[in-house]
Amino acid sequence: VWLHPCCFPASRSNFCPAACPGFPRTLGQAKALDGICELDLVISLNIPFETLKDRLSARWVHPASGRVYNMDFNPPHTRGVDDLTGEPLVQREDDRPEAVAARLRKYKDAAKPVIELYR
């Protein structure tokens, strides 16, 4: 979402367009946004379910630092081990394939009316 200066009337002279990736996610959010702001452009990326599931399921983290690795395109030097500390990496529960699939199904259900609104 690119925000129009009308969203920030007090700062119009200093307005810098802003992108809000992933927002709005629900029809309620979209309607609220429409009530306060005129949108110039809405972009919806149509990425295949399997591509999203595979990419998100390949994410592993180093809990102490928050460093994120992706086993497909940004893997650690040694599989399952943080590059800087040598400590083990973990996969968050919500990044496991079954959880990712459930999150994507939930998102699809919530996003469908938003996409229809902005068509």
PDB file of N, CA and C in Angstrom:
ATOM      1  N   VAL A   1       0.848  -1.164   0.000  1.00  0.00           N
ATOM      2  CA  VAL A   1       0.000   0.000   0.000  1.00  0.00           C
ATOM      3  C   VAL A   1       0.894   1.227   0.000  1.00  0.00           C
ATOM      4  N   TRP A   2       0.663   2.111  -0.938  1.00  0.00           N
ATOM      5  CA  TRP A   2       1.342   3.412  -0.952  1.00  0.00           C
ATOM      6  C   TRP A   2       0.402   4.403  -0.314  1.00  0.00           C
ATOM      7  N   LEU A   3       0.830   5.089   0.707  1.00  0.00           N
ATOM      8  CA  LEU A   3      -0.034   6.012   1.416  1.00  0.00           C
ATOM      9  C   LEU A   3       0.006   7.395   0.783  1.00  0.00           C
ATOM     10  N   HIS A   4      -1.154   8.002   0.642  1.00  0.00           N
ATOM     11  CA  HIS A   4      -1.340   9.316   0.037  1.00  0.00           C
ATOM     12  C   HIS A   4      -1.151  10.388   1.113  1.00  0.00           C
ATOM     13  N   PRO A   5      -0.722  11.605   0.748  1.00  0.00           N
ATOM     14  CA  PRO A   5      -0.528  12.655   1.758  1.00  0.00           C
ATOM     15  C   PRO A   5      -1.756  12.935   2.618  1.00  0.00           C
ATOM     16  N   CYS A   6      -2.966  12.651   2.124  1.00  0.00           N
ATOM     17  CA  CYS A   6      -4.161  12.922   2.933  1.00  0.00           C
ATOM     18  C   CYS A   6      -4.169  12.108   4.218  1.00  0.00           C
ATOM     19  N   CYS A   7      -3.382  11.052   4.278  1.00  0.00           N
ATOM     20  CA  CYS A   7      -3.323  10.249   5.499  1.00  0.00           C
ATOM     21  C   CYS A   7      -2.585  10.989   6.610  1.00  0.00           C
ATOM     22  N   PHE A   8      -1.766  11.939   6.224  1.00  0.00           N
ATOM     23  CA  PHE A   8      -0.933  12.658   7.181  1.00  0.00           C
ATOM     24  C   PHE A   8      -1.048  14.157   6.940  1.00  0.00           C
ATOM     25  N   PRO A   9      -2.221  14.753   7.163  1.00  0.00           N
ATOM     26  CA  PRO A   9      -2.432  16.153   6.810  1.00  0.00           C
ATOM     27  C   PRO A   9      -1.477  17.113   7.502  1.00  0.00           C
ATOM     28  N   ALA A  10      -1.038  16.821   8.702  1.00  0.00           N
ATOM     29  CA  ALA A  10      -0.152  17.732   9.415  1.00  0.00           C
ATOM     30  C   ALA A  10       1.241  17.777   8.810  1.00  0.00           C
ATOM     31  N   SER A  11       1.592  16.772   8.050  1.00  0.00           N
ATOM     32  CA  SER A  11       2.965  16.710   7.533  1.00  0.00           C
ATOM     33  C   SER A  11       3.009  16.666   6.011  1.00  0.00           C
ATOM     34  N   ARG A  12       2.012  17.240   5.344  1.00  0.00           N
ATOM     35  CA  ARG A  12       1.977  17.176   3.881  1.00  0.00           C
ATOM     36  C   ARG A  12       3.248  17.710   3.237  1.00  0.00           C
ATOM     37  N   SER A  13       3.810  18.795   3.771  1.00  0.00           N
ATOM     38  CA  SER A  13       4.995  19.372   3.135  1.00  0.00           C
ATOM     39  C   SER A  13       6.203  18.449   3.254  1.00  0.00           C
ATOM     40  N   ASN A  14       6.210  17.595   4.256  1.00  0.00           N
ATOM     41  CA  ASN A  14       7.330  16.671   4.446  1.00  0.00           C
ATOM     42  C   ASN A  14       6.954  15.245   4.075  1.00  0.00           C
ATOM     43  N   PHE A  15       5.854  15.091   3.360  1.00  0.00           N
ATOM     44  CA  PHE A  15       5.357  13.746   3.074  1.00  0.00           C
ATOM     45  C   PHE A  15       6.293  12.990   2.147  1.00  0.00           C
ATOM     46  N   CYS A  16       6.521  11.768   2.503  1.00  0.00           N
ATOM     47  CA  CYS A  16       7.280  10.862   1.652  1.00  0.00           C
ATOM     48  C   CYS A  16       6.417   9.623   1.477  1.00  0.00           C
ATOM     49  N   PRO A  17       6.086   9.240   0.250  1.00  0.00           N
ATOM     50  CA  PRO A  17       5.229   8.057   0.059  1.00  0.00           C
ATOM     51  C   PRO A  17       5.798   6.847   0.798  1.00  0.00           C
ATOM     52  N   ALA A  18       4.908   6.041   1.300  1.00  0.00           N
ATOM     53  CA  ALA A  18       5.329   4.884   2.084  1.00  0.00           C
ATOM     54  C   ALA A  18       4.675   3.619   1.569  1.00  0.00           C
ATOM     55  N   ALA A  19       5.411   2.547   1.595  1.00  0.00           N
ATOM     56  CA  ALA A  19       4.866   1.235   1.259  1.00  0.00           C
ATOM     57  C   ALA A  19       4.585   0.505   2.565  1.00  0.00           C
ATOM     58  N   CYS A  20       3.488  -0.222   2.598  1.00  0.00           N
ATOM     59  CA  CYS A  20       3.112  -1.001   3.783  1.00  0.00           C
ATOM     60  C   CYS A  20       2.926  -2.448   3.354  1.00  0.00           C
ATOM     61  N   PRO A  21       4.013  -3.190   3.177  1.00  0.00           N
ATOM     62  CA  PRO A  21       3.883  -4.573   2.713  1.00  0.00           C
ATOM     63  C   PRO A  21       3.035  -5.410   3.662  1.00  0.00           C
ATOM     64  N   GLY A  22       2.127  -6.177   3.093  1.00  0.00           N
ATOM     65  CA  GLY A  22       1.295  -7.058   3.889  1.00  0.00           C
ATOM     66  C   GLY A  22       0.109  -6.386   4.549  1.00  0.00           C
ATOM     67  N   PHE A  23      -0.159  -5.137   4.203  1.00  0.00           N
ATOM     68  CA  PHE A  23      -1.283  -4.417   4.798  1.00  0.00           C
ATOM     69  C   PHE A  23      -2.085  -3.762   3.706  1.00  0.00           C
ATOM     70  N   PRO A  24      -3.376  -3.838   3.749  1.00  0.00           N
ATOM     71  CA  PRO A  24      -4.222  -4.489   4.741  1.00  0.00           C
ATOM     72  C   PRO A  24      -4.333  -5.985   4.474  1.00  0.00           C
ATOM     73  N   ARG A  25      -4.518  -6.752   5.522  1.00  0.00           N
ATOM     74  CA  ARG A  25      -4.657  -8.207   5.394  1.00  0.00           C
ATOM     75  C   ARG A  25      -6.100  -8.663   5.491  1.00  0.00           C
ATOM     76  N   THR A  26      -6.960  -7.836   6.076  1.00  0.00           N
ATOM     77  CA  THR A  26      -8.361  -8.223   6.245  1.00  0.00           C
ATOM     78  C   THR A  26      -9.264  -7.169   5.617  1.00  0.00           C
ATOM     79  N   LEU A  27     -10.496  -7.557   5.352  1.00  0.00           N
ATOM     80  CA  LEU A  27     -11.463  -6.629   4.775  1.00  0.00           C
ATOM     81  C   LEU A  27     -11.716  -5.460   5.727  1.00  0.00           C
ATOM     82  N   GLY A  28     -11.771  -5.723   7.013  1.00  0.00           N
ATOM     83  CA  GLY A  28     -11.960  -4.655   7.993  1.00  0.00           C
ATOM     84  C   GLY A  28     -10.837  -3.633   7.944  1.00  0.00           C
ATOM     85  N   GLN A  29      -9.598  -4.099   7.839  1.00  0.00           N
ATOM     86  CA  GLN A  29      -8.461  -3.190   7.731  1.00  0.00           C
ATOM     87  C   GLN A  29      -8.541  -2.379   6.444  1.00  0.00           C
ATOM     88  N   ALA A  30      -8.919  -3.031   5.351  1.00  0.00           N
ATOM     89  CA  ALA A  30      -9.011  -2.346   4.058  1.00  0.00           C
ATOM     90  C   ALA A  30     -10.062  -1.249   4.102  1.00  0.00           C
ATOM     91  N   LYS A  31     -11.213  -1.539   4.673  1.00  0.00           N
ATOM     92  CA  LYS A  31     -12.281  -0.537   4.753  1.00  0.00           C
ATOM     93  C   LYS A  31     -11.880   0.622   5.659  1.00  0.00           C
ATOM     94  N   ALA A  32     -11.205   0.330   6.759  1.00  0.00           N
ATOM     95  CA  ALA A  32     -10.736   1.393   7.649  1.00  0.00           C
ATOM     96  C   ALA A  32      -9.717   2.272   6.936  1.00  0.00           C
ATOM     97  N   LEU A  33      -8.817   1.664   6.199  1.00  0.00           N
ATOM     98  CA  LEU A  33      -7.817   2.419   5.456  1.00  0.00           C
ATOM     99  C   LEU A  33      -8.475   3.294   4.395  1.00  0.00           C
ATOM    100  N   ASP A  34      -9.450   2.743   3.688  1.00  0.00           N
ATOM    101  CA  ASP A  34     -10.166   3.516   2.672  1.00  0.00           C
ATOM    102  C   ASP A  34     -10.884   4.713   3.279  1.00  0.00           C
ATOM    103  N   GLY A  35     -11.289   4.599   4.539  1.00  0.00           N
ATOM    104  CA  GLY A  35     -11.992   5.688   5.201  1.00  0.00           C
ATOM    105  C   GLY A  35     -11.113   6.866   5.560  1.00  0.00           C
ATOM    106  N   ILE A  36      -9.803   6.656   5.643  1.00  0.00           N
ATOM    107  CA  ILE A  36      -8.899   7.746   6.025  1.00  0.00           C
ATOM    108  C   ILE A  36      -7.923   8.146   4.936  1.00  0.00           C
ATOM    109  N   CYS A  37      -7.888   7.393   3.863  1.00  0.00           N
ATOM    110  CA  CYS A  37      -6.808   7.589   2.909  1.00  0.00           C
ATOM    111  C   CYS A  37      -7.229   7.206   1.498  1.00  0.00           C
ATOM    112  N   GLU A  38      -6.721   7.938   0.538  1.00  0.00           N
ATOM    113  CA  GLU A  38      -6.934   7.596  -0.871  1.00  0.00           C
ATOM    114  C   GLU A  38      -5.705   6.825  -1.357  1.00  0.00           C
ATOM    115  N   LEU A  39      -5.924   5.619  -1.814  1.00  0.00           N
ATOM    116  CA  LEU A  39      -4.806   4.808  -2.290  1.00  0.00           C
ATOM    117  C   LEU A  39      -4.544   5.097  -3.759  1.00  0.00           C
ATOM    118  N   ASP A  40      -3.286   5.287  -4.093  1.00  0.00           N
ATOM    119  CA  ASP A  40      -2.897   5.501  -5.479  1.00  0.00           C
ATOM    120  C   ASP A  40      -2.658   4.189  -6.202  1.00  0.00           C
ATOM    121  N   LEU A  41      -2.217   3.179  -5.474  1.00  0.00           N
ATOM    122  CA  LEU A  41      -1.830   1.925  -6.105  1.00  0.00           C
ATOM    123  C   LEU A  41      -1.883   0.792  -5.084  1.00  0.00           C
ATOM    124  N   VAL A  42      -2.384  -0.341  -5.512  1.00  0.00           N
ATOM    125  CA  VAL A  42      -2.368  -1.554  -4.695  1.00  0.00           C
ATOM    126  C   VAL A  42      -1.755  -2.657  -5.550  1.00  0.00           C
ATOM    127  N   ILE A  43      -0.786  -3.350  -5.003  1.00  0.00           N
ATOM    128  CA  ILE A  43      -0.126  -4.440  -5.721  1.00  0.00           C
ATOM    129  C   ILE A  43      -0.354  -5.733  -4.948  1.00  0.00           C
ATOM    130  N   SER A  44      -0.817  -6.737  -5.644  1.00  0.00           N
ATOM    131  CA  SER A  44      -0.996  -8.060  -5.049  1.00  0.00           C
ATOM    132  C   SER A  44      -0.131  -9.040  -5.830  1.00  0.00           C
ATOM    133  N   LEU A  45       0.774  -9.701  -5.142  1.00  0.00           N
ATOM    134  CA  LEU A  45       1.641 -10.679  -5.788  1.00  0.00           C
ATOM    135  C   LEU A  45       0.983 -12.049  -5.723  1.00  0.00           C
ATOM    136  N   ASN A  46       0.894 -12.695  -6.845  1.00  0.00           N
ATOM    137  CA  ASN A  46       0.292 -14.024  -6.916  1.00  0.00           C
ATOM    138  C   ASN A  46       1.417 -15.056  -7.012  1.00  0.00           C
ATOM    139  N   ILE A  47       1.822 -15.562  -5.870  1.00  0.00           N
ATOM    140  CA  ILE A  47       2.929 -16.516  -5.801  1.00  0.00           C
ATOM    141  C   ILE A  47       2.341 -17.896  -5.524  1.00  0.00           C
ATOM    142  N   PRO A  48       2.752 -18.904  -6.273  1.00  0.00           N
ATOM    143  CA  PRO A  48       2.196 -20.247  -6.068  1.00  0.00           C
ATOM    144  C   PRO A  48       2.344 -20.725  -4.619  1.00  0.00           C
ATOM    145  N   PHE A  49       1.307 -21.378  -4.135  1.00  0.00           N
ATOM    146  CA  PHE A  49       1.242 -21.906  -2.775  1.00  0.00           C
ATOM    147  C   PHE A  49       2.486 -22.727  -2.445  1.00  0.00           C
ATOM    148  N   GLU A  50       2.869 -23.629  -3.327  1.00  0.00           N
ATOM    149  CA  GLU A  50       4.016 -24.514  -3.057  1.00  0.00           C
ATOM    150  C   GLU A  50       5.315 -23.732  -2.943  1.00  0.00           C
ATOM    151  N   THR A  51       5.476 -22.685  -3.750  1.00  0.00           N
ATOM    152  CA  THR A  51       6.679 -21.852  -3.680  1.00  0.00           C
ATOM    153  C   THR A  51       6.778 -21.185  -2.316  1.00  0.00           C
ATOM    154  N   LEU A  52       5.674 -20.599  -1.861  1.00  0.00           N
ATOM    155  CA  LEU A  52       5.659 -19.963  -0.542  1.00  0.00           C
ATOM    156  C   LEU A  52       5.918 -20.981   0.565  1.00  0.00           C
ATOM    157  N   LYS A  53       5.253 -22.114   0.484  1.00  0.00           N
ATOM    158  CA  LYS A  53       5.400 -23.149   1.513  1.00  0.00           C
ATOM    159  C   LYS A  53       6.849 -23.635   1.579  1.00  0.00           C
ATOM    160  N   ASP A  54       7.441 -23.899   0.422  1.00  0.00           N
ATOM    161  CA  ASP A  54       8.824 -24.383   0.393  1.00  0.00           C
ATOM    162  C   ASP A  54       9.790 -23.347   0.962  1.00  0.00           C
ATOM    163  N   ARG A  55       9.608 -22.087   0.572  1.00  0.00           N
ATOM    164  CA  ARG A  55      10.534 -21.046   1.019  1.00  0.00           C
ATOM    165  C   ARG A  55      10.413 -20.807   2.524  1.00  0.00           C
ATOM    166  N   LEU A  56       9.187 -20.701   3.017  1.00  0.00           N
ATOM    167  CA  LEU A  56       9.004 -20.456   4.446  1.00  0.00           C
ATOM    168  C   LEU A  56       9.427 -21.657   5.286  1.00  0.00           C
ATOM    169  N   SER A  57       9.225 -22.849   4.780  1.00  0.00           N
ATOM    170  CA  SER A  57       9.588 -24.063   5.522  1.00  0.00           C
ATOM    171  C   SER A  57      11.094 -24.278   5.583  1.00  0.00           C
ATOM    172  N   ALA A  58      11.843 -23.583   4.754  1.00  0.00           N
ATOM    173  CA  ALA A  58      13.301 -23.732   4.730  1.00  0.00           C
ATOM    174  C   ALA A  58      13.999 -22.745   5.670  1.00  0.00           C
ATOM    175  N   ARG A  59      13.213 -21.991   6.447  1.00  0.00           N
ATOM    176  CA  ARG A  59      13.772 -20.959   7.327  1.00  0.00           C
ATOM    177  C   ARG A  59      14.171 -21.560   8.679  1.00  0.00           C
ATOM    178  N   TRP A  60      15.392 -21.279   9.098  1.00  0.00           N
ATOM    179  CA  TRP A  60      15.922 -21.704  10.393  1.00  0.00           C
ATOM    180  C   TRP A  60      16.553 -20.484  11.062  1.00  0.00           C
ATOM    181  N   VAL A  61      16.529 -20.444  12.393  1.00  0.00           N
ATOM    182  CA  VAL A  61      17.041 -19.271  13.103  1.00  0.00           C
ATOM    183  C   VAL A  61      18.037 -19.657  14.187  1.00  0.00           C
ATOM    184  N   HIS A  62      18.885 -18.680  14.513  1.00  0.00           N
ATOM    185  CA  HIS A  62      19.764 -18.787  15.672  1.00  0.00           C
ATOM    186  C   HIS A  62      19.056 -18.009  16.781  1.00  0.00           C
ATOM    187  N   PRO A  63      18.494 -18.705  17.774  1.00  0.00           N
ATOM    188  CA  PRO A  63      17.636 -18.044  18.761  1.00  0.00           C
ATOM    189  C   PRO A  63      18.292 -16.893  19.525  1.00  0.00           C
ATOM    190  N   ALA A  64      19.548 -17.037  19.896  1.00  0.00           N
ATOM    191  CA  ALA A  64      20.197 -16.016  20.718  1.00  0.00           C
ATOM    192  C   ALA A  64      20.386 -14.692  19.981  1.00  0.00           C
ATOM    193  N   SER A  65      20.665 -14.754  18.685  1.00  0.00           N
ATOM    194  CA  SER A  65      20.949 -13.526  17.931  1.00  0.00           C
ATOM    195  C   SER A  65      19.803 -13.095  17.029  1.00  0.00           C
ATOM    196  N   GLY A  66      18.934 -14.044  16.684  1.00  0.00           N
ATOM    197  CA  GLY A  66      17.866 -13.732  15.734  1.00  0.00           C
ATOM    198  C   GLY A  66      18.296 -13.876  14.284  1.00  0.00           C
ATOM    199  N   ARG A  67      19.545 -14.295  14.037  1.00  0.00           N
ATOM    200  CA  ARG A  67      19.992 -14.494  12.653  1.00  0.00           C
ATOM    201  C   ARG A  67      19.114 -15.531  11.977  1.00  0.00           C
ATOM    202  N   VAL A  68      18.754 -15.238  10.742  1.00  0.00           N
ATOM    203  CA  VAL A  68      17.866 -16.121   9.987  1.00  0.00           C
ATOM    204  C   VAL A  68      18.627 -16.705   8.803  1.00  0.00           C
ATOM    205  N   TYR A  69      18.471 -17.992   8.616  1.00  0.00           N
ATOM    206  CA  TYR A  69      19.053 -18.690   7.475  1.00  0.00           C
ATOM    207  C   TYR A  69      17.925 -19.311   6.674  1.00  0.00           C
ATOM    208  N   ASN A  70      18.156 -19.488   5.396  1.00  0.00           N
ATOM    209  CA  ASN A  70      17.228 -20.232   4.558  1.00  0.00           C
ATOM    210  C   ASN A  70      18.042 -21.338   3.915  1.00  0.00           C
ATOM    211  N   MET A  71      17.655 -22.576   4.129  1.00  0.00           N
ATOM    212  CA  MET A  71      18.441 -23.712   3.671  1.00  0.00           C
ATOM    213  C   MET A  71      18.553 -23.790   2.150  1.00  0.00           C
ATOM    214  N   ASP A  72      17.696 -23.076   1.428  1.00  0.00           N
ATOM    215  CA  ASP A  72      17.755 -23.106  -0.036  1.00  0.00           C
ATOM    216  C   ASP A  72      18.615 -21.994  -0.630  1.00  0.00           C
ATOM    217  N   PHE A  73      18.497 -20.750  -0.105  1.00  0.00           N
ATOM    218  CA  PHE A  73      19.221 -19.663  -0.762  1.00  0.00           C
ATOM    219  C   PHE A  73      20.144 -18.866   0.153  1.00  0.00           C
ATOM    220  N   ASN A  74      20.144 -19.127   1.442  1.00  0.00           N
ATOM    221  CA  ASN A  74      21.074 -18.481   2.367  1.00  0.00           C
ATOM    222  C   ASN A  74      21.428 -19.475   3.479  1.00  0.00           C
ATOM    223  N   PRO A  75      21.999 -20.624   3.096  1.00  0.00           N
ATOM    224  CA  PRO A  75      22.269 -21.654   4.103  1.00  0.00           C
ATOM    225  C   PRO A  75      23.499 -21.315   4.949  1.00  0.00           C
ATOM    226  N   PRO A  76      23.561 -21.860   6.162  1.00  0.00           N
ATOM    227  CA  PRO A  76      24.782 -21.706   6.956  1.00  0.00           C
ATOM    228  C   PRO A  76      25.897 -22.535   6.312  1.00  0.00           C
ATOM    229  N   HIS A  77      27.142 -22.225   6.678  1.00  0.00           N
ATOM    230  CA  HIS A  77      28.270 -22.980   6.112  1.00  0.00           C
ATOM    231  C   HIS A  77      28.169 -24.462   6.463  1.00  0.00           C
ATOM    232  N   THR A  78      27.748 -24.741   7.704  1.00  0.00           N
ATOM    233  CA  THR A  78      27.534 -26.116   8.149  1.00  0.00           C
ATOM    234  C   THR A  78      26.053 -26.263   8.479  1.00  0.00           C
ATOM    235  N   ARG A  79      25.419 -27.242   7.866  1.00  0.00           N
ATOM    236  CA  ARG A  79      23.969 -27.410   8.032  1.00  0.00           C
ATOM    237  C   ARG A  79      23.581 -27.521   9.511  1.00  0.00           C
ATOM    238  N   GLY A  80      22.613 -26.690   9.920  1.00  0.00           N
ATOM    239  CA  GLY A  80      22.093 -26.746  11.278  1.00  0.00           C
ATOM    240  C   GLY A  80      22.919 -26.027  12.322  1.00  0.00           C
ATOM    241  N   VAL A  81      23.987 -25.306  11.878  1.00  0.00           N
ATOM    242  CA  VAL A  81      24.893 -24.659  12.829  1.00  0.00           C
ATOM    243  C   VAL A  81      25.060 -23.187  12.449  1.00  0.00           C
ATOM    244  N   ASP A  82      24.958 -22.291  13.442  1.00  0.00           N
ATOM    245  CA  ASP A  82      25.141 -20.861  13.207  1.00  0.00           C
ATOM    246  C   ASP A  82      26.568 -20.574  12.759  1.00  0.00           C
ATOM    247  N   ASP A  83      26.706 -19.745  11.730  1.00  0.00           N
ATOM    248  CA  ASP A  83      28.027 -19.432  11.176  1.00  0.00           C
ATOM    249  C   ASP A  83      28.950 -18.734  12.174  1.00  0.00           C
ATOM    250  N   LEU A  84      28.417 -17.859  13.012  1.00  0.00           N
ATOM    251  CA  LEU A  84      29.272 -17.066  13.897  1.00  0.00           C
ATOM    252  C   LEU A  84      29.578 -17.730  15.230  1.00  0.00           C
ATOM    253  N   THR A  85      28.613 -18.430  15.789  1.00  0.00           N
ATOM    254  CA  THR A  85      28.811 -18.988  17.140  1.00  0.00           C
ATOM    255  C   THR A  85      29.031 -20.492  17.167  1.00  0.00           C
ATOM    256  N   GLY A  86      28.634 -21.181  16.103  1.00  0.00           N
ATOM    257  CA  GLY A  86      28.715 -22.638  16.101  1.00  0.00           C
ATOM    258  C   GLY A  86      27.588 -23.297  16.883  1.00  0.00           C
ATOM    259  N   GLU A  87      26.659 -22.493  17.374  1.00  0.00           N
ATOM    260  CA  GLU A  87      25.525 -23.025  18.133  1.00  0.00           C
ATOM    261  C   GLU A  87      24.473 -23.581  17.178  1.00  0.00           C
ATOM    262  N   PRO A  88      23.625 -24.479  17.691  1.00  0.00           N
ATOM    263  CA  PRO A  88      22.615 -25.079  16.814  1.00  0.00           C
ATOM    264  C   PRO A  88      21.538 -24.081  16.386  1.00  0.00           C
ATOM    265  N   LEU A  89      21.050 -24.290  15.172  1.00  0.00           N
ATOM    266  CA  LEU A  89      19.921 -23.524  14.648  1.00  0.00           C
ATOM    267  C   LEU A  89      18.642 -24.285  14.970  1.00  0.00           C
ATOM    268  N   VAL A  90      17.541 -23.561  15.057  1.00  0.00           N
ATOM    269  CA  VAL A  90      16.255 -24.205  15.305  1.00  0.00           C
ATOM    270  C   VAL A  90      15.249 -23.730  14.263  1.00  0.00           C
ATOM    271  N   GLN A  91      14.272 -24.581  14.040  1.00  0.00           N
ATOM    272  CA  GLN A  91      13.172 -24.192  13.166  1.00  0.00           C
ATOM    273  C   GLN A  91      11.991 -23.858  14.068  1.00  0.00           C
ATOM    274  N   ARG A  92      11.476 -22.635  13.923  1.00  0.00           N
ATOM    275  CA  ARG A  92      10.320 -22.237  14.728  1.00  0.00           C
ATOM    276  C   ARG A  92       9.137 -23.137  14.396  1.00  0.00           C
ATOM    277  N   GLU A  93       8.279 -23.341  15.385  1.00  0.00           N
ATOM    278  CA  GLU A  93       7.097 -24.190  15.178  1.00  0.00           C
ATOM    279  C   GLU A  93       6.261 -23.706  13.999  1.00  0.00           C
ATOM    280  N   ASP A  94       6.099 -22.376  13.861  1.00  0.00           N
ATOM    281  CA  ASP A  94       5.247 -21.867  12.779  1.00  0.00           C
ATOM    282  C   ASP A  94       5.937 -21.877  11.421  1.00  0.00           C
ATOM    283  N   ASP A  95       7.202 -22.310  11.364  1.00  0.00           N
ATOM    284  CA  ASP A  95       7.904 -22.470  10.086  1.00  0.00           C
ATOM    285  C   ASP A  95       7.949 -23.928   9.629  1.00  0.00           C
ATOM    286  N   ARG A  96       7.416 -24.832  10.412  1.00  0.00           N
ATOM    287  CA  ARG A  96       7.363 -26.239   9.990  1.00  0.00           C
ATOM    288  C   ARG A  96       6.347 -26.364   8.854  1.00  0.00           C
ATOM    289  N   PRO A  97       6.582 -27.282   7.907  1.00  0.00           N
ATOM    290  CA  PRO A  97       5.733 -27.368   6.710  1.00  0.00           C
ATOM    291  C   PRO A  97       4.230 -27.411   6.979  1.00  0.00           C
ATOM    292  N   GLU A  98       3.807 -28.174   7.987  1.00  0.00           N
ATOM    293  CA  GLU A  98       2.363 -28.276   8.269  1.00  0.00           C
ATOM    294  C   GLU A  98       1.813 -26.940   8.758  1.00  0.00           C
ATOM    295  N   ALA A  99       2.583 -26.256   9.607  1.00  0.00           N
ATOM    296  CA  ALA A  99       2.147 -24.964  10.144  1.00  0.00           C
ATOM    297  C   ALA A  99       2.126 -23.902   9.049  1.00  0.00           C
ATOM    298  N   VAL A 100       3.132 -23.927   8.176  1.00  0.00           N
ATOM    299  CA  VAL A 100       3.172 -22.968   7.062  1.00  0.00           C
ATOM    300  C   VAL A 100       1.960 -23.165   6.166  1.00  0.00           C
ATOM    301  N   ALA A 101       1.639 -24.409   5.854  1.00  0.00           N
ATOM    302  CA  ALA A 101       0.476 -24.690   5.000  1.00  0.00           C
ATOM    303  C   ALA A 101      -0.800 -24.154   5.644  1.00  0.00           C
ATOM    304  N   ALA A 102      -0.947 -24.339   6.949  1.00  0.00           N
ATOM    305  CA  ALA A 102      -2.137 -23.839   7.652  1.00  0.00           C
ATOM    306  C   ALA A 102      -2.175 -22.314   7.638  1.00  0.00           C
ATOM    307  N   ARG A 103      -1.024 -21.665   7.860  1.00  0.00           N
ATOM    308  CA  ARG A 103      -0.962 -20.195   7.822  1.00  0.00           C
ATOM    309  C   ARG A 103      -1.336 -19.670   6.449  1.00  0.00           C
ATOM    310  N   LEU A 104      -0.850 -20.319   5.406  1.00  0.00           N
ATOM    311  CA  LEU A 104      -1.141 -19.865   4.046  1.00  0.00           C
ATOM    312  C   LEU A 104      -2.614 -20.039   3.701  1.00  0.00           C
ATOM    313  N   ARG A 105      -3.221 -21.131   4.163  1.00  0.00           N
ATOM    314  CA  ARG A 105      -4.662 -21.323   3.922  1.00  0.00           C
ATOM    315  C   ARG A 105      -5.470 -20.233   4.628  1.00  0.00           C
ATOM    316  N   LYS A 106      -5.094 -19.938   5.862  1.00  0.00           N
ATOM    317  CA  LYS A 106      -5.786 -18.898   6.633  1.00  0.00           C
ATOM    318  C   LYS A 106      -5.621 -17.537   5.947  1.00  0.00           C
ATOM    319  N   TYR A 107      -4.407 -17.240   5.494  1.00  0.00           N
ATOM    320  CA  TYR A 107      -4.157 -15.972   4.803  1.00  0.00           C
ATOM    321  C   TYR A 107      -4.995 -15.877   3.531  1.00  0.00           C
ATOM    322  N   LYS A 108      -5.036 -16.955   2.765  1.00  0.00           N
ATOM    323  CA  LYS A 108      -5.799 -16.950   1.511  1.00  0.00           C
ATOM    324  C   LYS A 108      -7.266 -16.632   1.773  1.00  0.00           C
ATOM    325  N   ASP A 109      -7.831 -17.247   2.814  1.00  0.00           N
ATOM    326  CA  ASP A 109      -9.234 -16.998   3.151  1.00  0.00           C
ATOM    327  C   ASP A 109      -9.466 -15.543   3.550  1.00  0.00           C
ATOM    328  N   ALA A 110      -8.542 -14.972   4.332  1.00  0.00           N
ATOM    329  CA  ALA A 110      -8.692 -13.587   4.792  1.00  0.00           C
ATOM    330  C   ALA A 110      -8.403 -12.583   3.685  1.00  0.00           C
ATOM    331  N   ALA A 111      -7.454 -12.906   2.800  1.00  0.00           N
ATOM    332  CA  ALA A 111      -7.030 -11.955   1.772  1.00  0.00           C
ATOM    333  C   ALA A 111      -7.970 -11.898   0.575  1.00  0.00           C
ATOM    334  N   LYS A 112      -8.708 -12.963   0.331  1.00  0.00           N
ATOM    335  CA  LYS A 112      -9.561 -13.003  -0.861  1.00  0.00           C
ATOM    336  C   LYS A 112     -10.507 -11.807  -0.951  1.00  0.00           C
ATOM    337  N   PRO A 113     -11.258 -11.450   0.110  1.00  0.00           N
ATOM    338  CA  PRO A 113     -12.140 -10.290  -0.005  1.00  0.00           C
ATOM    339  C   PRO A 113     -11.384  -8.972  -0.182  1.00  0.00           C
ATOM    340  N   VAL A 114     -10.182  -8.877   0.368  1.00  0.00           N
ATOM    341  CA  VAL A 114      -9.378  -7.660   0.205  1.00  0.00           C
ATOM    342  C   VAL A 114      -8.958  -7.518  -1.253  1.00  0.00           C
ATOM    343  N   ILE A 115      -8.514  -8.617  -1.843  1.00  0.00           N
ATOM    344  CA  ILE A 115      -8.107  -8.598  -3.253  1.00  0.00           C
ATOM    345  C   ILE A 115      -9.290  -8.229  -4.131  1.00  0.00           C
ATOM    346  N   GLU A 116     -10.455  -8.786  -3.838  1.00  0.00           N
ATOM    347  CA  GLU A 116     -11.662  -8.463  -4.613  1.00  0.00           C
ATOM    348  C   GLU A 116     -12.021  -6.984  -4.480  1.00  0.00           C
ATOM    349  N   LEU A 117     -11.873  -6.423  -3.287  1.00  0.00           N
ATOM    350  CA  LEU A 117     -12.194  -5.014  -3.051  1.00  0.00           C
ATOM    351  C   LEU A 117     -11.357  -4.095  -3.927  1.00  0.00           C
ATOM    352  N   TYR A 118     -10.089  -4.407  -4.099  1.00  0.00           N
ATOM    353  CA  TYR A 118      -9.176  -3.527  -4.830  1.00  0.00           C
ATOM    354  C   TYR A 118      -9.019  -3.875  -6.301  1.00  0.00           C
ATOM    355  N   ARG A 119      -9.771  -4.837  -6.805  1.00  0.00           N
ATOM    356  CA  ARG A 119      -9.695  -5.172  -8.236  1.00  0.00           C
ATOM    357  C   ARG A 119     -10.215  -4.058  -9.069  1.00  0.00           C
TER     358      ARG A 119
END
